[in-house]
Amino acid sequence: MSVDELLELPDGGMRHELVDGELITMVPPGSEHGRVAMRIGVLLTNHVAQTRSGETLAAETGFILSRDPDTVRAPDAAFVSRERFVAIGSTPNYWPEAPDFAAEVVSPSDSFTEVQTKAIAWLDAGTKAVLVVDPQQRTATVYRGRDAVTVHREHDQIDLGNAVPGWRLVVAELFP
């Protein structure tokens, strides 16, 4: 399947991603996933609005990570720097590149391998940092490279300034 075919696909109440040309249909996550994803989005949006450093995008936003075969992923929250957003401009379709920052919330149905594979795909496409939040374990894992992965516990502070200028947060802030 191509990016254009994915754009034309009726959603049927489901979220879809495209990985190497293969359609992935995702079951809607539970309420805890939604609460944590919203929390990340609010914290990120508040910081970005205060610093005027770029744009935040919600879970429904598709990002084109590769072509031939096509890959379109949708993180639970994302950030694109002001410079990149101005250079490309707003688009009614999928964002044509990877975001500077992507956040993923682990769902009960996700396997460790699936989540890790997704984080690495973001990085390979140019994302500077990926935050993977596990509500069940109450941890936040930051991926900055294939060999630069750090697991943080509730009391830890995370510095995500390499991807979102000036953004620091305490892991406990991610959990309602």
Foldseek 3Di string as FASTA:
>chain_A
DAQVVVVVDDQPPWAWWADLNDIDTDDDFDDQQVLLLVLVQVLQVVVCVVVVFFDKDAQNAWEWLDVNPTTIHGARMATAGRVVCVVVDDDPGHHDAAHQEGEHEDGPPDDPVNVLVVQQSSVVRPHQWYWYAYPVQLWIWIDRHPPDIDIGHQQDKDDPCVRPNPDIDGSVSSGD
